[in-house]
């Protein structure tokens, strides 16, 4: 859920997996993102948010966050091209 709340990202989590023992964990996230924000900036913001939320909600350290972008959704709702007769 944390990944989906990154400002301006338009991310939707398609899958997440957490693994580890003790206070250190690894988080794998599969995302659908909206086109727009630069990929490295988006990934950094998602990573930071996930690390913070895992610590806050679970008291664990997300020592590794792997982000896989499964798909990029392009903007819809463009006006249709005028039809030529």
N, C-alpha and C. Protein backbone atom coordinates (compact mmCIF):
# COMPACT_ATOMS: atom_id res chain seq x y z
N UNK A 1 0.83 -1.19 0.00
CA UNK A 1 0.00 0.00 0.00
C UNK A 1 0.87 1.25 0.00
N UNK A 2 2.00 1.20 0.67
CA UNK A 2 2.86 2.38 0.76
C UNK A 2 3.33 2.82 -0.63
N UNK A 3 3.66 1.85 -1.48
CA UNK A 3 4.14 2.18 -2.82
C UNK A 3 3.08 2.89 -3.64
N UNK A 4 1.82 2.53 -3.44
CA UNK A 4 0.74 3.14 -4.19
C UNK A 4 0.39 4.55 -3.76
N UNK A 5 0.99 5.00 -2.65
CA UNK A 5 0.68 6.33 -2.14
C UNK A 5 1.78 7.36 -2.39
N UNK A 6 2.73 7.04 -3.25
CA UNK A 6 3.80 7.99 -3.57
C UNK A 6 3.21 9.10 -4.41
N UNK A 7 3.40 10.35 -3.98
CA UNK A 7 2.84 11.50 -4.67
C UNK A 7 3.25 11.55 -6.13
N UNK A 8 2.26 11.68 -6.99
CA UNK A 8 2.51 11.87 -8.41
C UNK A 8 2.92 10.62 -9.16
N UNK A 9 2.96 9.49 -8.47
CA UNK A 9 3.47 8.30 -9.14
C UNK A 9 2.41 7.58 -9.95
N UNK A 10 1.19 7.55 -9.48
CA UNK A 10 0.17 6.78 -10.17
C UNK A 10 0.47 5.30 -10.15
N UNK A 11 1.17 4.85 -9.10
CA UNK A 11 1.53 3.45 -9.05
C UNK A 11 0.39 2.58 -8.55
N UNK A 12 0.35 1.38 -9.03
CA UNK A 12 -0.56 0.37 -8.51
C UNK A 12 0.27 -0.88 -8.27
N UNK A 13 0.19 -1.42 -7.09
CA UNK A 13 0.97 -2.60 -6.76
C UNK A 13 0.29 -3.82 -7.35
N UNK A 14 1.02 -4.55 -8.15
CA UNK A 14 0.50 -5.78 -8.75
C UNK A 14 0.89 -6.99 -7.92
N UNK A 15 1.87 -6.83 -7.08
CA UNK A 15 2.30 -7.93 -6.22
C UNK A 15 3.39 -7.45 -5.29
N UNK A 16 3.45 -8.05 -4.12
CA UNK A 16 4.50 -7.71 -3.15
C UNK A 16 4.84 -8.97 -2.37
N UNK A 17 6.10 -9.09 -2.04
CA UNK A 17 6.57 -10.24 -1.28
C UNK A 17 7.59 -9.73 -0.27
N UNK A 18 7.45 -10.16 0.96
CA UNK A 18 8.39 -9.77 2.02
C UNK A 18 9.04 -11.04 2.54
N UNK A 19 10.35 -11.00 2.68
CA UNK A 19 11.07 -12.16 3.19
C UNK A 19 12.16 -11.70 4.14
N UNK A 20 12.56 -12.58 5.01
CA UNK A 20 13.64 -12.27 5.94
C UNK A 20 13.38 -12.87 7.30
N UNK A 21 14.39 -12.79 8.13
CA UNK A 21 14.30 -13.27 9.50
C UNK A 21 14.82 -12.19 10.42
N UNK A 22 14.21 -12.14 11.57
CA UNK A 22 14.65 -11.13 12.53
C UNK A 22 14.20 -9.75 12.10
N UNK A 23 14.92 -8.74 12.53
CA UNK A 23 14.48 -7.37 12.27
C UNK A 23 14.76 -6.86 10.86
N UNK A 24 15.54 -7.61 10.05
CA UNK A 24 15.86 -7.16 8.69
C UNK A 24 15.03 -7.94 7.68
N UNK A 25 14.45 -7.22 6.72
CA UNK A 25 13.61 -7.86 5.72
C UNK A 25 14.02 -7.40 4.33
N UNK A 26 13.54 -8.13 3.35
CA UNK A 26 13.69 -7.74 1.94
C UNK A 26 12.28 -7.66 1.37
N UNK A 27 12.01 -6.64 0.59
CA UNK A 27 10.69 -6.43 0.01
C UNK A 27 10.83 -6.39 -1.51
N UNK A 28 10.03 -7.22 -2.18
CA UNK A 28 9.96 -7.23 -3.64
C UNK A 28 8.60 -6.69 -4.04
N UNK A 29 8.58 -5.71 -4.94
CA UNK A 29 7.33 -5.07 -5.34
C UNK A 29 7.23 -5.07 -6.87
N UNK A 30 6.08 -5.47 -7.39
CA UNK A 30 5.79 -5.38 -8.82
C UNK A 30 4.79 -4.25 -9.01
N UNK A 31 5.11 -3.29 -9.88
CA UNK A 31 4.27 -2.10 -10.04
C UNK A 31 3.76 -1.92 -11.46
N UNK A 32 2.60 -1.31 -11.53
CA UNK A 32 2.07 -0.73 -12.76
C UNK A 32 2.19 0.77 -12.54
N UNK A 33 2.86 1.47 -13.42
CA UNK A 33 3.03 2.91 -13.24
C UNK A 33 2.41 3.67 -14.40
N UNK A 34 2.01 4.90 -14.11
CA UNK A 34 1.50 5.80 -15.13
C UNK A 34 2.70 6.49 -15.76
N UNK A 35 2.65 6.72 -17.05
CA UNK A 35 3.75 7.42 -17.70
C UNK A 35 3.81 8.85 -17.16
N UNK A 36 4.98 9.38 -17.11
CA UNK A 36 5.12 10.75 -16.64
C UNK A 36 6.38 10.96 -15.83
N UNK A 37 6.38 10.55 -14.54
CA UNK A 37 7.55 10.83 -13.73
C UNK A 37 8.74 10.00 -14.19
N UNK A 38 9.96 10.57 -14.11
CA UNK A 38 11.15 9.81 -14.51
C UNK A 38 11.29 8.55 -13.65
N UNK A 39 11.63 7.44 -14.29
CA UNK A 39 11.73 6.15 -13.61
C UNK A 39 12.62 6.13 -12.38
N UNK A 40 13.86 6.62 -12.47
CA UNK A 40 14.72 6.58 -11.29
C UNK A 40 14.17 7.41 -10.12
N UNK A 41 13.57 8.55 -10.42
CA UNK A 41 12.98 9.37 -9.36
C UNK A 41 11.82 8.65 -8.70
N UNK A 42 10.97 8.04 -9.51
CA UNK A 42 9.83 7.30 -9.00
C UNK A 42 10.28 6.13 -8.14
N UNK A 43 11.23 5.35 -8.64
CA UNK A 43 11.72 4.20 -7.89
C UNK A 43 12.33 4.62 -6.56
N UNK A 44 13.06 5.71 -6.54
CA UNK A 44 13.66 6.21 -5.30
C UNK A 44 12.60 6.62 -4.29
N UNK A 45 11.56 7.29 -4.77
CA UNK A 45 10.48 7.74 -3.89
C UNK A 45 9.70 6.54 -3.35
N UNK A 46 9.44 5.55 -4.20
CA UNK A 46 8.73 4.35 -3.75
C UNK A 46 9.58 3.63 -2.71
N UNK A 47 10.86 3.47 -2.99
CA UNK A 47 11.75 2.78 -2.05
C UNK A 47 11.76 3.48 -0.70
N UNK A 48 11.95 4.79 -0.69
CA UNK A 48 11.99 5.55 0.56
C UNK A 48 10.69 5.40 1.35
N UNK A 49 9.58 5.46 0.64
CA UNK A 49 8.27 5.34 1.30
C UNK A 49 8.09 3.95 1.90
N UNK A 50 8.47 2.92 1.16
CA UNK A 50 8.32 1.55 1.65
C UNK A 50 9.21 1.33 2.87
N UNK A 51 10.46 1.78 2.82
CA UNK A 51 11.37 1.62 3.96
C UNK A 51 10.79 2.30 5.20
N UNK A 52 10.28 3.51 5.04
CA UNK A 52 9.71 4.26 6.17
C UNK A 52 8.48 3.56 6.73
N UNK A 53 7.58 3.12 5.86
CA UNK A 53 6.34 2.50 6.32
C UNK A 53 6.57 1.13 6.95
N UNK A 54 7.50 0.34 6.43
CA UNK A 54 7.79 -0.96 7.04
C UNK A 54 8.34 -0.74 8.45
N UNK A 55 9.21 0.24 8.62
CA UNK A 55 9.74 0.55 9.95
C UNK A 55 8.64 1.04 10.88
N UNK A 56 7.79 1.91 10.38
CA UNK A 56 6.73 2.50 11.19
C UNK A 56 5.67 1.46 11.57
N UNK A 57 5.21 0.70 10.60
CA UNK A 57 4.09 -0.22 10.83
C UNK A 57 4.51 -1.53 11.49
N UNK A 58 5.72 -2.01 11.17
CA UNK A 58 6.12 -3.35 11.63
C UNK A 58 7.31 -3.34 12.58
N UNK A 59 8.00 -2.21 12.66
CA UNK A 59 9.20 -2.16 13.49
C UNK A 59 10.35 -2.94 12.89
N UNK A 60 10.32 -3.13 11.57
CA UNK A 60 11.37 -3.88 10.87
C UNK A 60 12.18 -2.97 9.97
N UNK A 61 13.39 -3.41 9.66
CA UNK A 61 14.23 -2.67 8.72
C UNK A 61 14.12 -3.31 7.34
N UNK A 62 13.64 -2.58 6.36
CA UNK A 62 13.59 -3.06 4.98
C UNK A 62 14.98 -2.80 4.40
N UNK A 63 15.86 -3.77 4.58
CA UNK A 63 17.25 -3.63 4.17
C UNK A 63 17.41 -3.67 2.66
N UNK A 64 16.44 -4.28 1.98
CA UNK A 64 16.50 -4.38 0.53
C UNK A 64 15.09 -4.19 -0.02
N UNK A 65 14.96 -3.31 -1.01
CA UNK A 65 13.67 -3.12 -1.68
C UNK A 65 13.93 -3.26 -3.18
N UNK A 66 13.35 -4.28 -3.77
CA UNK A 66 13.50 -4.53 -5.21
C UNK A 66 12.19 -4.13 -5.88
N UNK A 67 12.29 -3.23 -6.84
CA UNK A 67 11.11 -2.72 -7.54
C UNK A 67 11.18 -3.17 -8.99
N UNK A 68 10.12 -3.85 -9.43
CA UNK A 68 10.00 -4.27 -10.82
C UNK A 68 8.81 -3.55 -11.42
N UNK A 69 9.04 -2.84 -12.51
CA UNK A 69 7.93 -2.18 -13.21
C UNK A 69 7.40 -3.17 -14.22
N UNK A 70 6.19 -3.68 -13.94
CA UNK A 70 5.56 -4.67 -14.82
C UNK A 70 5.00 -4.06 -16.09
N UNK A 71 4.47 -2.84 -15.97
CA UNK A 71 3.80 -2.24 -17.10
C UNK A 71 3.74 -0.73 -16.89
N UNK A 72 3.63 0.00 -17.99
CA UNK A 72 3.47 1.45 -17.94
C UNK A 72 2.15 1.78 -18.61
N UNK A 73 1.30 2.46 -17.88
CA UNK A 73 0.00 2.87 -18.40
C UNK A 73 0.13 4.25 -19.02
N UNK A 74 -0.28 4.39 -20.25
CA UNK A 74 -0.22 5.69 -20.91
C UNK A 74 -1.48 6.47 -20.60
N UNK A 75 -1.36 7.75 -20.66
CA UNK A 75 -2.48 8.64 -20.36
C UNK A 75 -3.61 8.41 -21.37
N UNK A 76 -4.82 8.37 -20.84
CA UNK A 76 -5.98 8.22 -21.71
C UNK A 76 -6.80 9.49 -21.64
N UNK A 77 -7.76 9.60 -22.51
CA UNK A 77 -8.64 10.76 -22.47
C UNK A 77 -8.22 11.88 -23.41
N UNK A 78 -7.28 11.59 -24.32
CA UNK A 78 -6.91 12.59 -25.30
C UNK A 78 -8.11 12.84 -26.21
N UNK A 79 -8.29 14.06 -26.65
CA UNK A 79 -9.39 14.29 -27.60
C UNK A 79 -9.16 13.48 -28.87
N UNK A 80 -10.22 13.00 -29.43
CA UNK A 80 -10.08 12.23 -30.66
C UNK A 80 -9.72 13.16 -31.81
N UNK A 81 -8.97 12.60 -32.75
CA UNK A 81 -8.62 13.34 -33.94
C UNK A 81 -9.90 13.61 -34.73
N UNK A 82 -10.01 14.79 -35.33
CA UNK A 82 -11.19 15.04 -36.15
C UNK A 82 -11.22 14.09 -37.35
N UNK A 83 -12.39 13.64 -37.67
CA UNK A 83 -12.55 12.76 -38.82
C UNK A 83 -12.58 13.59 -40.09
N UNK A 84 -11.81 13.14 -41.08
CA UNK A 84 -11.79 13.82 -42.38
C UNK A 84 -12.75 13.10 -43.29
N UNK A 85 -13.62 13.84 -43.97
CA UNK A 85 -14.56 13.22 -44.90
C UNK A 85 -14.17 13.52 -46.31
